[in-house]
Amino acid sequence: LPVMEEEHYSIYCINFIHNRIDVLDSSPEGTRLYHEVLSNRIIPRLNLLF
């Protein structure tokens, strides 16, 4: 699932091998807090699909 906010790109990838969601991020800065907030909205929706 690609996510774009302003010029910040992230991709949430469903990793079936390890049964988890991996996050790929274009930002060189620490983005842990950003993804904690965003993932609270995205991950439950992705879980509904699988």
C-alpha atoms as a PDB file:
ATOM      1  CA  LEU A   1       0.000   0.000   0.000  1.00  0.00           C
ATOM      2  CA  PRO A   2       1.694   3.242  -1.079  1.00  0.00           C
ATOM      3  CA  VAL A   3       1.204   6.253   1.206  1.00  0.00           C
ATOM      4  CA  MET A   4       2.135   9.838   0.325  1.00  0.00           C
ATOM      5  CA  GLU A   5       1.951  12.899   2.550  1.00  0.00           C
ATOM      6  CA  GLU A   6       3.358  16.080   1.016  1.00  0.00           C
ATOM      7  CA  GLU A   7       6.719  14.845  -0.357  1.00  0.00           C
ATOM      8  CA  HIS A   8       7.124  11.982   2.098  1.00  0.00           C
ATOM      9  CA  TYR A   9       6.584   8.502   0.630  1.00  0.00           C
ATOM     10  CA  SER A  10       6.068   5.245   2.492  1.00  0.00           C
ATOM     11  CA  ILE A  11       5.059   1.768   1.424  1.00  0.00           C
ATOM     12  CA  TYR A  12       3.315  -0.676   3.718  1.00  0.00           C
ATOM     13  CA  CYS A  13       4.150  -4.183   2.479  1.00  0.00           C
ATOM     14  CA  ILE A  14       2.331  -7.318   3.549  1.00  0.00           C
ATOM     15  CA  ASN A  15       5.019  -9.880   4.365  1.00  0.00           C
ATOM     16  CA  PHE A  16       3.317 -13.270   4.115  1.00  0.00           C
ATOM     17  CA  ILE A  17       6.521 -15.174   4.884  1.00  0.00           C
ATOM     18  CA  HIS A  18       6.989 -13.581   8.320  1.00  0.00           C
ATOM     19  CA  ASN A  19       3.289 -12.808   8.893  1.00  0.00           C
ATOM     20  CA  ARG A  20       3.803  -9.085   9.442  1.00  0.00           C
ATOM     21  CA  ILE A  21       3.546  -5.697   7.757  1.00  0.00           C
ATOM     22  CA  ASP A  22       6.867  -4.114   6.766  1.00  0.00           C
ATOM     23  CA  VAL A  23       7.242  -0.361   6.266  1.00  0.00           C
ATOM     24  CA  LEU A  24       9.585   1.079   3.633  1.00  0.00           C
ATOM     25  CA  ASP A  25      10.191   4.787   4.081  1.00  0.00           C
ATOM     26  CA  SER A  26      11.878   7.417   1.883  1.00  0.00           C
ATOM     27  CA  SER A  27      12.792   9.734   4.753  1.00  0.00           C
ATOM     28  CA  PRO A  28      16.384   9.769   6.043  1.00  0.00           C
ATOM     29  CA  GLU A  29      15.108  11.121   9.370  1.00  0.00           C
ATOM     30  CA  GLY A  30      13.621   9.092  12.200  1.00  0.00           C
ATOM     31  CA  THR A  31       9.960   8.471  11.414  1.00  0.00           C
ATOM     32  CA  ARG A  32       8.968   6.060  14.179  1.00  0.00           C
ATOM     33  CA  LEU A  33       6.372   8.399  15.753  1.00  0.00           C
ATOM     34  CA  TYR A  34       4.925   9.266  12.326  1.00  0.00           C
ATOM     35  CA  HIS A  35       4.405   5.598  11.500  1.00  0.00           C
ATOM     36  CA  GLU A  36       3.017   4.735  14.928  1.00  0.00           C
ATOM     37  CA  VAL A  37       0.208   7.249  14.385  1.00  0.00           C
ATOM     38  CA  LEU A  38      -0.363   6.355  10.736  1.00  0.00           C
ATOM     39  CA  SER A  39      -0.190   2.601  11.271  1.00  0.00           C
ATOM     40  CA  ASN A  40      -2.974   2.801  13.861  1.00  0.00           C
ATOM     41  CA  ARG A  41      -5.266   3.708  10.952  1.00  0.00           C
ATOM     42  CA  ILE A  42      -3.745   1.617   8.166  1.00  0.00           C
ATOM     43  CA  ILE A  43      -2.915  -1.749   9.744  1.00  0.00           C
ATOM     44  CA  PRO A  44      -6.440  -2.589  11.013  1.00  0.00           C
ATOM     45  CA  ARG A  45      -7.773  -1.879   7.520  1.00  0.00           C
ATOM     46  CA  LEU A  46      -5.140  -4.076   5.897  1.00  0.00           C
ATOM     47  CA  ASN A  47      -5.896  -6.850   8.380  1.00  0.00           C
ATOM     48  CA  LEU A  48      -9.531  -6.819   7.249  1.00  0.00           C
ATOM     49  CA  LEU A  49      -8.382  -7.709   3.738  1.00  0.00           C
ATOM     50  CA  PHE A  50      -6.355 -10.715   4.807  1.00  0.00           C
END
